[in-house]
Amino acid sequence: MEGVEFTGEQLAGQWAFNVALDSGYVINEQGLEIHLDVLAQVGASFDPQTAVAHAMRLKKAGVIDRYEVTADRETGQWLGEPQFMASVRRSDWVAKQDTAQAHFVMCELSDETQAIEVVFAE
């Protein structure tokens, strides 16, 4: 966009956020720092703490962690603990439609909104 300028920290944070999201990695400060180290090693100039903070703001704005759990088809009772699968865009998750094999829900886990795919046991 013409006339819009971004800081090195914004660009680095956006890049690290996208790499983590597109790769299916959990988006957390430690993981982002690893991605940002790659940029620093090739000579990019930015403040790592500010870049991580920018990436975490991006996560909070539109990304949730996706978990999967198996449930009894008749009772709906979970048959184990939810397992982390990947981070997903909130808008993609809410667009999902339930199927005969799975139910898609958002709920609170560890004081954060999480995406849960409940897969029904056969």
PDB file of N, CA and C in Angstrom:
ATOM      1  N   MET A   1       0.850  -1.171   0.000  1.00  0.00           N
ATOM      2  CA  MET A   1       0.000   0.000   0.000  1.00  0.00           C
ATOM      3  C   MET A   1       0.892   1.228   0.000  1.00  0.00           C
ATOM      4  N   GLU A   2       0.597   2.120  -0.859  1.00  0.00           N
ATOM      5  CA  GLU A   2       1.396   3.325  -0.989  1.00  0.00           C
ATOM      6  C   GLU A   2       1.251   4.213   0.244  1.00  0.00           C
ATOM      7  N   GLY A   3       2.383   4.695   0.732  1.00  0.00           N
ATOM      8  CA  GLY A   3       2.368   5.599   1.865  1.00  0.00           C
ATOM      9  C   GLY A   3       2.350   4.921   3.219  1.00  0.00           C
ATOM     10  N   VAL A   4       2.248   3.591   3.248  1.00  0.00           N
ATOM     11  CA  VAL A   4       2.244   2.868   4.511  1.00  0.00           C
ATOM     12  C   VAL A   4       3.652   2.347   4.768  1.00  0.00           C
ATOM     13  N   GLU A   5       4.174   2.609   5.941  1.00  0.00           N
ATOM     14  CA  GLU A   5       5.498   2.130   6.299  1.00  0.00           C
ATOM     15  C   GLU A   5       5.394   1.202   7.502  1.00  0.00           C
ATOM     16  N   PHE A   6       6.165   0.147   7.456  1.00  0.00           N
ATOM     17  CA  PHE A   6       6.198  -0.813   8.540  1.00  0.00           C
ATOM     18  C   PHE A   6       7.588  -0.819   9.158  1.00  0.00           C
ATOM     19  N   THR A   7       7.654  -1.056  10.444  1.00  0.00           N
ATOM     20  CA  THR A   7       8.940  -1.145  11.118  1.00  0.00           C
ATOM     21  C   THR A   7       9.542  -2.529  10.868  1.00  0.00           C
ATOM     22  N   GLY A   8      10.838  -2.643  11.110  1.00  0.00           N
ATOM     23  CA  GLY A   8      11.490  -3.946  11.011  1.00  0.00           C
ATOM     24  C   GLY A   8      10.878  -4.942  11.963  1.00  0.00           C
ATOM     25  N   GLU A   9      10.471  -4.467  13.125  1.00  0.00           N
ATOM     26  CA  GLU A   9       9.857  -5.338  14.130  1.00  0.00           C
ATOM     27  C   GLU A   9       8.501  -5.855  13.665  1.00  0.00           C
ATOM     28  N   GLN A  10       7.717  -4.994  13.024  1.00  0.00           N
ATOM     29  CA  GLN A  10       6.412  -5.424  12.517  1.00  0.00           C
ATOM     30  C   GLN A  10       6.583  -6.468  11.415  1.00  0.00           C
ATOM     31  N   LEU A  11       7.523  -6.205  10.505  1.00  0.00           N
ATOM     32  CA  LEU A  11       7.746  -7.151   9.404  1.00  0.00           C
ATOM     33  C   LEU A  11       8.272  -8.486   9.926  1.00  0.00           C
ATOM     34  N   ALA A  12       9.222  -8.432  10.849  1.00  0.00           N
ATOM     35  CA  ALA A  12       9.784  -9.666  11.402  1.00  0.00           C
ATOM     36  C   ALA A  12       8.721 -10.438  12.194  1.00  0.00           C
ATOM     37  N   GLY A  13       7.944  -9.731  12.998  1.00  0.00           N
ATOM     38  CA  GLY A  13       6.891 -10.381  13.773  1.00  0.00           C
ATOM     39  C   GLY A  13       5.840 -11.015  12.883  1.00  0.00           C
ATOM     40  N   GLN A  14       5.445 -10.307  11.815  1.00  0.00           N
ATOM     41  CA  GLN A  14       4.468 -10.847  10.865  1.00  0.00           C
ATOM     42  C   GLN A  14       5.015 -12.102  10.195  1.00  0.00           C
ATOM     43  N   TRP A  15       6.281 -12.050   9.792  1.00  0.00           N
ATOM     44  CA  TRP A  15       6.902 -13.201   9.130  1.00  0.00           C
ATOM     45  C   TRP A  15       6.935 -14.409  10.071  1.00  0.00           C
ATOM     46  N   ALA A  16       7.406 -14.206  11.299  1.00  0.00           N
ATOM     47  CA  ALA A  16       7.493 -15.304  12.257  1.00  0.00           C
ATOM     48  C   ALA A  16       6.111 -15.879  12.559  1.00  0.00           C
ATOM     49  N   PHE A  17       5.120 -15.009  12.695  1.00  0.00           N
ATOM     50  CA  PHE A  17       3.740 -15.440  12.939  1.00  0.00           C
ATOM     51  C   PHE A  17       3.246 -16.310  11.784  1.00  0.00           C
ATOM     52  N   ASN A  18       3.443 -15.855  10.549  1.00  0.00           N
ATOM     53  CA  ASN A  18       2.964 -16.601   9.380  1.00  0.00           C
ATOM     54  C   ASN A  18       3.681 -17.937   9.225  1.00  0.00           C
ATOM     55  N   VAL A  19       4.990 -17.963   9.468  1.00  0.00           N
ATOM     56  CA  VAL A  19       5.730 -19.222   9.372  1.00  0.00           C
ATOM     57  C   VAL A  19       5.188 -20.223  10.385  1.00  0.00           C
ATOM     58  N   ALA A  20       4.996 -19.782  11.617  1.00  0.00           N
ATOM     59  CA  ALA A  20       4.484 -20.681  12.651  1.00  0.00           C
ATOM     60  C   ALA A  20       3.074 -21.166  12.308  1.00  0.00           C
ATOM     61  N   LEU A  21       2.215 -20.260  11.877  1.00  0.00           N
ATOM     62  CA  LEU A  21       0.836 -20.624  11.553  1.00  0.00           C
ATOM     63  C   LEU A  21       0.778 -21.572  10.362  1.00  0.00           C
ATOM     64  N   ASP A  22       1.479 -21.230   9.291  1.00  0.00           N
ATOM     65  CA  ASP A  22       1.440 -22.054   8.078  1.00  0.00           C
ATOM     66  C   ASP A  22       2.084 -23.418   8.280  1.00  0.00           C
ATOM     67  N   SER A  23       3.015 -23.515   9.222  1.00  0.00           N
ATOM     68  CA  SER A  23       3.693 -24.785   9.495  1.00  0.00           C
ATOM     69  C   SER A  23       2.927 -25.649  10.476  1.00  0.00           C
ATOM     70  N   GLY A  24       1.914 -25.081  11.116  1.00  0.00           N
ATOM     71  CA  GLY A  24       1.137 -25.837  12.089  1.00  0.00           C
ATOM     72  C   GLY A  24       1.766 -25.895  13.465  1.00  0.00           C
ATOM     73  N   TYR A  25       2.795 -25.066  13.693  1.00  0.00           N
ATOM     74  CA  TYR A  25       3.434 -25.035  15.005  1.00  0.00           C
ATOM     75  C   TYR A  25       2.573 -24.246  15.979  1.00  0.00           C
ATOM     76  N   VAL A  26       2.761 -24.547  17.262  1.00  0.00           N
ATOM     77  CA  VAL A  26       2.116 -23.744  18.284  1.00  0.00           C
ATOM     78  C   VAL A  26       2.729 -22.349  18.211  1.00  0.00           C
ATOM     79  N   ILE A  27       1.903 -21.350  18.363  1.00  0.00           N
ATOM     80  CA  ILE A  27       2.394 -19.968  18.312  1.00  0.00           C
ATOM     81  C   ILE A  27       2.570 -19.492  19.746  1.00  0.00           C
ATOM     82  N   ASN A  28       3.838 -19.498  20.194  1.00  0.00           N
ATOM     83  CA  ASN A  28       4.164 -19.001  21.518  1.00  0.00           C
ATOM     84  C   ASN A  28       5.483 -18.231  21.422  1.00  0.00           C
ATOM     85  N   GLU A  29       5.853 -17.561  22.491  1.00  0.00           N
ATOM     86  CA  GLU A  29       7.030 -16.706  22.454  1.00  0.00           C
ATOM     87  C   GLU A  29       8.295 -17.486  22.122  1.00  0.00           C
ATOM     88  N   GLN A  30       8.467 -18.648  22.715  1.00  0.00           N
ATOM     89  CA  GLN A  30       9.669 -19.435  22.473  1.00  0.00           C
ATOM     90  C   GLN A  30       9.790 -19.844  21.003  1.00  0.00           C
ATOM     91  N   GLY A  31       8.702 -20.325  20.425  1.00  0.00           N
ATOM     92  CA  GLY A  31       8.720 -20.721  19.019  1.00  0.00           C
ATOM     93  C   GLY A  31       8.975 -19.547  18.091  1.00  0.00           C
ATOM     94  N   LEU A  32       8.367 -18.412  18.397  1.00  0.00           N
ATOM     95  CA  LEU A  32       8.571 -17.221  17.574  1.00  0.00           C
ATOM     96  C   LEU A  32      10.020 -16.765  17.623  1.00  0.00           C
ATOM     97  N   GLU A  33      10.636 -16.848  18.799  1.00  0.00           N
ATOM     98  CA  GLU A  33      12.040 -16.452  18.935  1.00  0.00           C
ATOM     99  C   GLU A  33      12.933 -17.310  18.052  1.00  0.00           C
ATOM    100  N   ILE A  34      12.623 -18.592  17.932  1.00  0.00           N
ATOM    101  CA  ILE A  34      13.404 -19.483  17.066  1.00  0.00           C
ATOM    102  C   ILE A  34      13.296 -19.036  15.614  1.00  0.00           C
ATOM    103  N   HIS A  35      12.085 -18.714  15.170  1.00  0.00           N
ATOM    104  CA  HIS A  35      11.906 -18.245  13.783  1.00  0.00           C
ATOM    105  C   HIS A  35      12.627 -16.918  13.565  1.00  0.00           C
ATOM    106  N   LEU A  36      12.548 -16.042  14.562  1.00  0.00           N
ATOM    107  CA  LEU A  36      13.202 -14.737  14.426  1.00  0.00           C
ATOM    108  C   LEU A  36      14.718 -14.863  14.412  1.00  0.00           C
ATOM    109  N   ASP A  37      15.272 -15.863  15.072  1.00  0.00           N
ATOM    110  CA  ASP A  37      16.719 -16.101  15.022  1.00  0.00           C
ATOM    111  C   ASP A  37      17.187 -16.327  13.592  1.00  0.00           C
ATOM    112  N   VAL A  38      16.358 -17.000  12.799  1.00  0.00           N
ATOM    113  CA  VAL A  38      16.698 -17.236  11.388  1.00  0.00           C
ATOM    114  C   VAL A  38      16.856 -15.901  10.671  1.00  0.00           C
ATOM    115  N   LEU A  39      15.930 -14.991  10.887  1.00  0.00           N
ATOM    116  CA  LEU A  39      16.024 -13.670  10.250  1.00  0.00           C
ATOM    117  C   LEU A  39      17.269 -12.915  10.707  1.00  0.00           C
ATOM    118  N   ALA A  40      17.538 -12.973  11.986  1.00  0.00           N
ATOM    119  CA  ALA A  40      18.706 -12.271  12.518  1.00  0.00           C
ATOM    120  C   ALA A  40      19.998 -12.847  11.939  1.00  0.00           C
ATOM    121  N   GLN A  41      20.047 -14.154  11.741  1.00  0.00           N
ATOM    122  CA  GLN A  41      21.244 -14.800  11.210  1.00  0.00           C
ATOM    123  C   GLN A  41      21.541 -14.389   9.764  1.00  0.00           C
ATOM    124  N   VAL A  42      20.508 -14.007   9.031  1.00  0.00           N
ATOM    125  CA  VAL A  42      20.742 -13.579   7.640  1.00  0.00           C
ATOM    126  C   VAL A  42      20.867 -12.059   7.528  1.00  0.00           C
ATOM    127  N   GLY A  43      20.934 -11.382   8.687  1.00  0.00           N
ATOM    128  CA  GLY A  43      21.239  -9.958   8.686  1.00  0.00           C
ATOM    129  C   GLY A  43      20.083  -8.998   8.870  1.00  0.00           C
ATOM    130  N   ALA A  44      18.882  -9.492   9.116  1.00  0.00           N
ATOM    131  CA  ALA A  44      17.751  -8.583   9.342  1.00  0.00           C
ATOM    132  C   ALA A  44      17.979  -7.807  10.641  1.00  0.00           C
ATOM    133  N   SER A  45      17.578  -6.549  10.626  1.00  0.00           N
ATOM    134  CA  SER A  45      17.775  -5.683  11.785  1.00  0.00           C
ATOM    135  C   SER A  45      16.428  -5.360  12.423  1.00  0.00           C
ATOM    136  N   PHE A  46      16.236  -5.834  13.661  1.00  0.00           N
ATOM    137  CA  PHE A  46      14.998  -5.598  14.396  1.00  0.00           C
ATOM    138  C   PHE A  46      15.230  -5.931  15.850  1.00  0.00           C
ATOM    139  N   ASP A  47      14.375  -5.401  16.709  1.00  0.00           N
ATOM    140  CA  ASP A  47      14.423  -5.740  18.129  1.00  0.00           C
ATOM    141  C   ASP A  47      13.594  -7.007  18.335  1.00  0.00           C
ATOM    142  N   PRO A  48      14.205  -8.114  18.753  1.00  0.00           N
ATOM    143  CA  PRO A  48      13.478  -9.380  18.867  1.00  0.00           C
ATOM    144  C   PRO A  48      12.287  -9.330  19.826  1.00  0.00           C
ATOM    145  N   GLN A  49      12.430  -8.655  20.958  1.00  0.00           N
ATOM    146  CA  GLN A  49      11.323  -8.602  21.925  1.00  0.00           C
ATOM    147  C   GLN A  49      10.118  -7.879  21.349  1.00  0.00           C
ATOM    148  N   THR A  50      10.372  -6.792  20.622  1.00  0.00           N
ATOM    149  CA  THR A  50       9.269  -6.040  20.010  1.00  0.00           C
ATOM    150  C   THR A  50       8.620  -6.854  18.897  1.00  0.00           C
ATOM    151  N   ALA A  51       9.426  -7.597  18.135  1.00  0.00           N
ATOM    152  CA  ALA A  51       8.890  -8.440  17.064  1.00  0.00           C
ATOM    153  C   ALA A  51       8.026  -9.560  17.637  1.00  0.00           C
ATOM    154  N   VAL A  52       8.481 -10.180  18.726  1.00  0.00           N
ATOM    155  CA  VAL A  52       7.689 -11.241  19.373  1.00  0.00           C
ATOM    156  C   VAL A  52       6.371 -10.663  19.897  1.00  0.00           C
ATOM    157  N   ALA A  53       6.433  -9.494  20.512  1.00  0.00           N
ATOM    158  CA  ALA A  53       5.218  -8.861  21.035  1.00  0.00           C
ATOM    159  C   ALA A  53       4.225  -8.587  19.908  1.00  0.00           C
ATOM    160  N   HIS A  54       4.732  -8.131  18.754  1.00  0.00           N
ATOM    161  CA  HIS A  54       3.853  -7.870  17.605  1.00  0.00           C
ATOM    162  C   HIS A  54       3.201  -9.177  17.138  1.00  0.00           C
ATOM    163  N   ALA A  55       3.987 -10.239  17.031  1.00  0.00           N
ATOM    164  CA  ALA A  55       3.447 -11.531  16.595  1.00  0.00           C
ATOM    165  C   ALA A  55       2.401 -12.054  17.572  1.00  0.00           C
ATOM    166  N   MET A  56       2.631 -11.877  18.857  1.00  0.00           N
ATOM    167  CA  MET A  56       1.660 -12.346  19.842  1.00  0.00           C
ATOM    168  C   MET A  56       0.362 -11.541  19.775  1.00  0.00           C
ATOM    169  N   ARG A  57       0.448 -10.260  19.427  1.00  0.00           N
ATOM    170  CA  ARG A  57      -0.775  -9.463  19.221  1.00  0.00           C
ATOM    171  C   ARG A  57      -1.547  -9.990  18.015  1.00  0.00           C
ATOM    172  N   LEU A  58      -0.829 -10.394  16.968  1.00  0.00           N
ATOM    173  CA  LEU A  58      -1.490 -10.969  15.796  1.00  0.00           C
ATOM    174  C   LEU A  58      -2.218 -12.261  16.183  1.00  0.00           C
ATOM    175  N   LYS A  59      -1.568 -13.066  17.001  1.00  0.00           N
ATOM    176  CA  LYS A  59      -2.203 -14.316  17.441  1.00  0.00           C
ATOM    177  C   LYS A  59      -3.480 -14.024  18.213  1.00  0.00           C
ATOM    178  N   LYS A  60      -3.390 -13.119  19.140  1.00  0.00           N
ATOM    179  CA  LYS A  60      -4.553 -12.799  19.973  1.00  0.00           C
ATOM    180  C   LYS A  60      -5.718 -12.284  19.130  1.00  0.00           C
ATOM    181  N   ALA A  61      -5.394 -11.596  18.041  1.00  0.00           N
ATOM    182  CA  ALA A  61      -6.429 -10.985  17.206  1.00  0.00           C
ATOM    183  C   ALA A  61      -7.195 -11.988  16.355  1.00  0.00           C
ATOM    184  N   GLY A  62      -6.601 -13.127  16.014  1.00  0.00           N
ATOM    185  CA  GLY A  62      -7.348 -13.969  15.093  1.00  0.00           C
ATOM    186  C   GLY A  62      -6.953 -15.421  15.001  1.00  0.00           C
ATOM    187  N   VAL A  63      -6.167 -15.911  15.943  1.00  0.00           N
ATOM    188  CA  VAL A  63      -5.713 -17.299  15.875  1.00  0.00           C
ATOM    189  C   VAL A  63      -6.015 -17.997  17.192  1.00  0.00           C
ATOM    190  N   ILE A  64      -6.454 -19.235  17.098  1.00  0.00           N
ATOM    191  CA  ILE A  64      -6.688 -20.045  18.289  1.00  0.00           C
ATOM    192  C   ILE A  64      -5.993 -21.388  18.102  1.00  0.00           C
ATOM    193  N   ASP A  65      -5.690 -22.031  19.209  1.00  0.00           N
ATOM    194  CA  ASP A  65      -5.081 -23.351  19.156  1.00  0.00           C
ATOM    195  C   ASP A  65      -6.168 -24.402  18.974  1.00  0.00           C
ATOM    196  N   ARG A  66      -5.871 -25.379  18.106  1.00  0.00           N
ATOM    197  CA  ARG A  66      -6.817 -26.446  17.785  1.00  0.00           C
ATOM    198  C   ARG A  66      -6.393 -27.721  18.503  1.00  0.00           C
ATOM    199  N   TYR A  67      -7.354 -28.329  19.173  1.00  0.00           N
ATOM    200  CA  TYR A  67      -7.141 -29.590  19.872  1.00  0.00           C
ATOM    201  C   TYR A  67      -8.101 -30.630  19.297  1.00  0.00           C
ATOM    202  N   GLU A  68      -7.760 -31.886  19.489  1.00  0.00           N
ATOM    203  CA  GLU A  68      -8.630 -32.975  19.067  1.00  0.00           C
ATOM    204  C   GLU A  68      -8.816 -33.938  20.235  1.00  0.00           C
ATOM    205  N   VAL A  69     -10.044 -34.432  20.372  1.00  0.00           N
ATOM    206  CA  VAL A  69     -10.345 -35.402  21.423  1.00  0.00           C
ATOM    207  C   VAL A  69     -11.366 -36.398  20.878  1.00  0.00           C
ATOM    208  N   THR A  70     -11.257 -37.643  21.316  1.00  0.00           N
ATOM    209  CA  THR A  70     -12.211 -38.672  20.916  1.00  0.00           C
ATOM    210  C   THR A  70     -13.324 -38.716  21.960  1.00  0.00           C
ATOM    211  N   ALA A  71     -14.560 -38.928  21.494  1.00  0.00           N
ATOM    212  CA  ALA A  71     -15.711 -38.972  22.401  1.00  0.00           C
ATOM    213  C   ALA A  71     -16.602 -40.156  22.065  1.00  0.00           C
ATOM    214  N   ASP A  72     -17.320 -40.617  23.072  1.00  0.00           N
ATOM    215  CA  ASP A  72     -18.316 -41.667  22.881  1.00  0.00           C
ATOM    216  C   ASP A  72     -19.459 -41.093  22.044  1.00  0.00           C
ATOM    217  N   ARG A  73     -19.803 -41.786  20.982  1.00  0.00           N
ATOM    218  CA  ARG A  73     -20.846 -41.292  20.070  1.00  0.00           C
ATOM    219  C   ARG A  73     -22.206 -41.165  20.762  1.00  0.00           C
ATOM    220  N   GLU A  74     -22.535 -42.076  21.651  1.00  0.00           N
ATOM    221  CA  GLU A  74     -23.843 -42.079  22.305  1.00  0.00           C
ATOM    222  C   GLU A  74     -23.970 -41.011  23.387  1.00  0.00           C
ATOM    223  N   THR A  75     -22.948 -40.868  24.226  1.00  0.00           N
ATOM    224  CA  THR A  75     -23.042 -39.965  25.374  1.00  0.00           C
ATOM    225  C   THR A  75     -22.360 -38.615  25.144  1.00  0.00           C
ATOM    226  N   GLY A  76     -21.441 -38.583  24.192  1.00  0.00           N
ATOM    227  CA  GLY A  76     -20.670 -37.366  23.976  1.00  0.00           C
ATOM    228  C   GLY A  76     -19.525 -37.201  24.959  1.00  0.00           C
ATOM    229  N   GLN A  77     -19.389 -38.135  25.901  1.00  0.00           N
ATOM    230  CA  GLN A  77     -18.328 -38.043  26.913  1.00  0.00           C
ATOM    231  C   GLN A  77     -16.963 -38.220  26.260  1.00  0.00           C
ATOM    232  N   TRP A  78     -16.036 -37.333  26.646  1.00  0.00           N
ATOM    233  CA  TRP A  78     -14.674 -37.418  26.123  1.00  0.00           C
ATOM    234  C   TRP A  78     -14.005 -38.667  26.657  1.00  0.00           C
ATOM    235  N   LEU A  79     -13.256 -39.345  25.806  1.00  0.00           N
ATOM    236  CA  LEU A  79     -12.588 -40.593  26.168  1.00  0.00           C
ATOM    237  C   LEU A  79     -11.103 -40.387  26.455  1.00  0.00           C
ATOM    238  N   GLY A  80     -10.696 -39.165  26.602  1.00  0.00           N
ATOM    239  CA  GLY A  80      -9.300 -38.851  26.894  1.00  0.00           C
ATOM    240  C   GLY A  80      -9.130 -37.356  27.018  1.00  0.00           C
ATOM    241  N   GLU A  81      -7.910 -36.925  27.047  1.00  0.00           N
ATOM    242  CA  GLU A  81      -7.585 -35.501  27.129  1.00  0.00           C
ATOM    243  C   GLU A  81      -7.425 -34.932  25.729  1.00  0.00           C
ATOM    244  N   PRO A  82      -7.849 -33.705  25.511  1.00  0.00           N
ATOM    245  CA  PRO A  82      -7.625 -33.073  24.204  1.00  0.00           C
ATOM    246  C   PRO A  82      -6.129 -32.970  23.912  1.00  0.00           C
ATOM    247  N   GLN A  83      -5.754 -33.251  22.675  1.00  0.00           N
ATOM    248  CA  GLN A  83      -4.362 -33.192  22.238  1.00  0.00           C
ATOM    249  C   GLN A  83      -4.192 -32.028  21.263  1.00  0.00           C
ATOM    250  N   PHE A  84      -3.136 -31.218  21.487  1.00  0.00           N
ATOM    251  CA  PHE A  84      -2.871 -30.093  20.595  1.00  0.00           C
ATOM    252  C   PHE A  84      -2.551 -30.618  19.201  1.00  0.00           C
ATOM    253  N   MET A  85      -3.140 -29.965  18.188  1.00  0.00           N
ATOM    254  CA  MET A  85      -2.902 -30.350  16.797  1.00  0.00           C
ATOM    255  C   MET A  85      -2.162 -29.255  16.027  1.00  0.00           C
ATOM    256  N   ALA A  86      -2.655 -28.010  16.118  1.00  0.00           N
ATOM    257  CA  ALA A  86      -2.056 -26.898  15.378  1.00  0.00           C
ATOM    258  C   ALA A  86      -2.775 -25.614  15.774  1.00  0.00           C
ATOM    259  N   SER A  87      -2.229 -24.501  15.354  1.00  0.00           N
ATOM    260  CA  SER A  87      -2.927 -23.223  15.496  1.00  0.00           C
ATOM    261  C   SER A  87      -3.708 -22.978  14.214  1.00  0.00           C
ATOM    262  N   VAL A  88      -4.907 -22.404  14.353  1.00  0.00           N
ATOM    263  CA  VAL A  88      -5.768 -22.171  13.185  1.00  0.00           C
ATOM    264  C   VAL A  88      -6.349 -20.762  13.250  1.00  0.00           C
ATOM    265  N   ARG A  89      -6.717 -20.264  12.106  1.00  0.00           N
ATOM    266  CA  ARG A  89      -7.399 -18.970  12.063  1.00  0.00           C
ATOM    267  C   ARG A  89      -8.808 -19.136  12.621  1.00  0.00           C
ATOM    268  N   ARG A  90      -9.191 -18.235  13.519  1.00  0.00           N
ATOM    269  CA  ARG A  90     -10.510 -18.291  14.151  1.00  0.00           C
ATOM    270  C   ARG A  90     -11.612 -18.291  13.094  1.00  0.00           C
ATOM    271  N   SER A  91     -11.476 -17.471  12.066  1.00  0.00           N
ATOM    272  CA  SER A  91     -12.518 -17.378  11.031  1.00  0.00           C
ATOM    273  C   SER A  91     -12.681 -18.700  10.283  1.00  0.00           C
ATOM    274  N   ASP A  92     -11.579 -19.426  10.050  1.00  0.00           N
ATOM    275  CA  ASP A  92     -11.678 -20.739   9.399  1.00  0.00           C
ATOM    276  C   ASP A  92     -12.390 -21.736  10.295  1.00  0.00           C
ATOM    277  N   TRP A  93     -12.125 -21.645  11.602  1.00  0.00           N
ATOM    278  CA  TRP A  93     -12.723 -22.604  12.534  1.00  0.00           C
ATOM    279  C   TRP A  93     -14.224 -22.413  12.650  1.00  0.00           C
ATOM    280  N   VAL A  94     -14.671 -21.179  12.803  1.00  0.00           N
ATOM    281  CA  VAL A  94     -16.103 -20.953  12.996  1.00  0.00           C
ATOM    282  C   VAL A  94     -16.908 -21.276  11.743  1.00  0.00           C
ATOM    283  N   ALA A  95     -16.232 -21.359  10.594  1.00  0.00           N
ATOM    284  CA  ALA A  95     -16.923 -21.705   9.347  1.00  0.00           C
ATOM    285  C   ALA A  95     -17.116 -23.218   9.190  1.00  0.00           C
ATOM    286  N   LYS A  96     -16.482 -24.003  10.039  1.00  0.00           N
ATOM    287  CA  LYS A  96     -16.589 -25.462   9.927  1.00  0.00           C
ATOM    288  C   LYS A  96     -18.009 -25.930  10.250  1.00  0.00           C
ATOM    289  N   GLN A  97     -18.422 -26.978   9.566  1.00  0.00           N
ATOM    290  CA  GLN A  97     -19.734 -27.582   9.773  1.00  0.00           C
ATOM    291  C   GLN A  97     -19.567 -28.963  10.404  1.00  0.00           C
ATOM    292  N   ASP A  98     -20.399 -29.281  11.389  1.00  0.00           N
ATOM    293  CA  ASP A  98     -20.356 -30.611  12.000  1.00  0.00           C
ATOM    294  C   ASP A  98     -20.641 -31.672  10.948  1.00  0.00           C
ATOM    295  N   THR A  99     -20.071 -32.857  11.169  1.00  0.00           N
ATOM    296  CA  THR A  99     -20.304 -34.011  10.306  1.00  0.00           C
ATOM    297  C   THR A  99     -20.758 -35.174  11.170  1.00  0.00           C
ATOM    298  N   ALA A 100     -21.054 -36.299  10.551  1.00  0.00           N
ATOM    299  CA  ALA A 100     -21.424 -37.493  11.311  1.00  0.00           C
ATOM    300  C   ALA A 100     -20.240 -38.016  12.120  1.00  0.00           C
ATOM    301  N   GLN A 101     -19.026 -37.674  11.704  1.00  0.00           N
ATOM    302  CA  GLN A 101     -17.823 -38.166  12.371  1.00  0.00           C
ATOM    303  C   GLN A 101     -17.256 -37.203  13.414  1.00  0.00           C
ATOM    304  N   ALA A 102     -17.608 -35.907  13.317  1.00  0.00           N
ATOM    305  CA  ALA A 102     -16.962 -34.936  14.209  1.00  0.00           C
ATOM    306  C   ALA A 102     -17.863 -33.743  14.507  1.00  0.00           C
ATOM    307  N   HIS A 103     -17.616 -33.154  15.673  1.00  0.00           N
ATOM    308  CA  HIS A 103     -18.298 -31.946  16.128  1.00  0.00           C
ATOM    309  C   HIS A 103     -17.220 -30.895  16.375  1.00  0.00           C
ATOM    310  N   PHE A 104     -17.431 -29.680  15.890  1.00  0.00           N
ATOM    311  CA  PHE A 104     -16.451 -28.602  16.012  1.00  0.00           C
ATOM    312  C   PHE A 104     -16.981 -27.558  16.988  1.00  0.00           C
ATOM    313  N   VAL A 105     -16.199 -27.261  18.019  1.00  0.00           N
ATOM    314  CA  VAL A 105     -16.652 -26.375  19.079  1.00  0.00           C
ATOM    315  C   VAL A 105     -15.492 -25.501  19.540  1.00  0.00           C
ATOM    316  N   MET A 106     -15.829 -24.366  20.149  1.00  0.00           N
ATOM    317  CA  MET A 106     -14.830 -23.535  20.806  1.00  0.00           C
ATOM    318  C   MET A 106     -15.186 -23.515  22.280  1.00  0.00           C
ATOM    319  N   CYS A 107     -14.179 -23.662  23.136  1.00  0.00           N
ATOM    320  CA  CYS A 107     -14.414 -23.614  24.572  1.00  0.00           C
ATOM    321  C   CYS A 107     -13.173 -23.093  25.279  1.00  0.00           C
ATOM    322  N   GLU A 108     -13.299 -22.901  26.569  1.00  0.00           N
ATOM    323  CA  GLU A 108     -12.187 -22.387  27.368  1.00  0.00           C
ATOM    324  C   GLU A 108     -11.360 -23.548  27.913  1.00  0.00           C
ATOM    325  N   LEU A 109     -10.080 -23.539  27.608  1.00  0.00           N
ATOM    326  CA  LEU A 109      -9.119 -24.472  28.182  1.00  0.00           C
ATOM    327  C   LEU A 109      -7.944 -23.638  28.661  1.00  0.00           C
ATOM    328  N   SER A 110      -7.534 -23.840  29.883  1.00  0.00           N
ATOM    329  CA  SER A 110      -6.397 -23.084  30.441  1.00  0.00           C
ATOM    330  C   SER A 110      -6.604 -21.576  30.297  1.00  0.00           C
ATOM    331  N   ASP A 111      -7.816 -21.116  30.528  1.00  0.00           N
ATOM    332  CA  ASP A 111      -8.166 -19.690  30.490  1.00  0.00           C
ATOM    333  C   ASP A 111      -7.998 -19.036  29.126  1.00  0.00           C
ATOM    334  N   GLU A 112      -8.003 -19.816  28.052  1.00  0.00           N
ATOM    335  CA  GLU A 112      -7.951 -19.272  26.696  1.00  0.00           C
ATOM    336  C   GLU A 112      -8.987 -19.982  25.849  1.00  0.00           C
ATOM    337  N   THR A 113      -9.526 -19.265  24.866  1.00  0.00           N
ATOM    338  CA  THR A 113     -10.459 -19.885  23.937  1.00  0.00           C
ATOM    339  C   THR A 113      -9.683 -20.826  23.028  1.00  0.00           C
ATOM    340  N   GLN A 114     -10.163 -22.054  22.923  1.00  0.00           N
ATOM    341  CA  GLN A 114      -9.509 -23.080  22.114  1.00  0.00           C
ATOM    342  C   GLN A 114     -10.516 -23.690  21.159  1.00  0.00           C
ATOM    343  N   ALA A 115     -10.023 -24.167  20.030  1.00  0.00           N
ATOM    344  CA  ALA A 115     -10.834 -24.905  19.069  1.00  0.00           C
ATOM    345  C   ALA A 115     -10.711 -26.391  19.406  1.00  0.00           C
ATOM    346  N   ILE A 116     -11.845 -27.058  19.528  1.00  0.00           N
ATOM    347  CA  ILE A 116     -11.840 -28.487  19.857  1.00  0.00           C
ATOM    348  C   ILE A 116     -12.584 -29.242  18.763  1.00  0.00           C
ATOM    349  N   GLU A 117     -11.905 -30.214  18.158  1.00  0.00           N
ATOM    350  CA  GLU A 117     -12.567 -31.126  17.237  1.00  0.00           C
ATOM    351  C   GLU A 117     -12.861 -32.400  18.007  1.00  0.00           C
ATOM    352  N   VAL A 118     -14.144 -32.655  18.217  1.00  0.00           N
ATOM    353  CA  VAL A 118     -14.570 -33.861  18.939  1.00  0.00           C
ATOM    354  C   VAL A 118     -14.857 -34.926  17.891  1.00  0.00           C
ATOM    355  N   VAL A 119     -14.015 -35.947  17.866  1.00  0.00           N
ATOM    356  CA  VAL A 119     -14.134 -37.030  16.896  1.00  0.00           C
ATOM    357  C   VAL A 119     -14.847 -38.186  17.583  1.00  0.00           C
ATOM    358  N   PHE A 120     -15.942 -38.649  16.980  1.00  0.00           N
ATOM    359  CA  PHE A 120     -16.731 -39.696  17.604  1.00  0.00           C
ATOM    360  C   PHE A 120     -16.126 -41.069  17.350  1.00  0.00           C
ATOM    361  N   ALA A 121     -15.988 -41.849  18.434  1.00  0.00           N
ATOM    362  CA  ALA A 121     -15.444 -43.195  18.338  1.00  0.00           C
ATOM    363  C   ALA A 121     -16.447 -44.095  17.618  1.00  0.00           C
ATOM    364  N   GLU A 122     -15.905 -44.991  16.850  1.00  0.00           N
ATOM    365  CA  GLU A 122     -16.758 -45.940  16.115  1.00  0.00           C
ATOM    366  C   GLU A 122     -17.072 -47.147  16.968  1.00  0.00           C
TER     367      GLU A 122
END
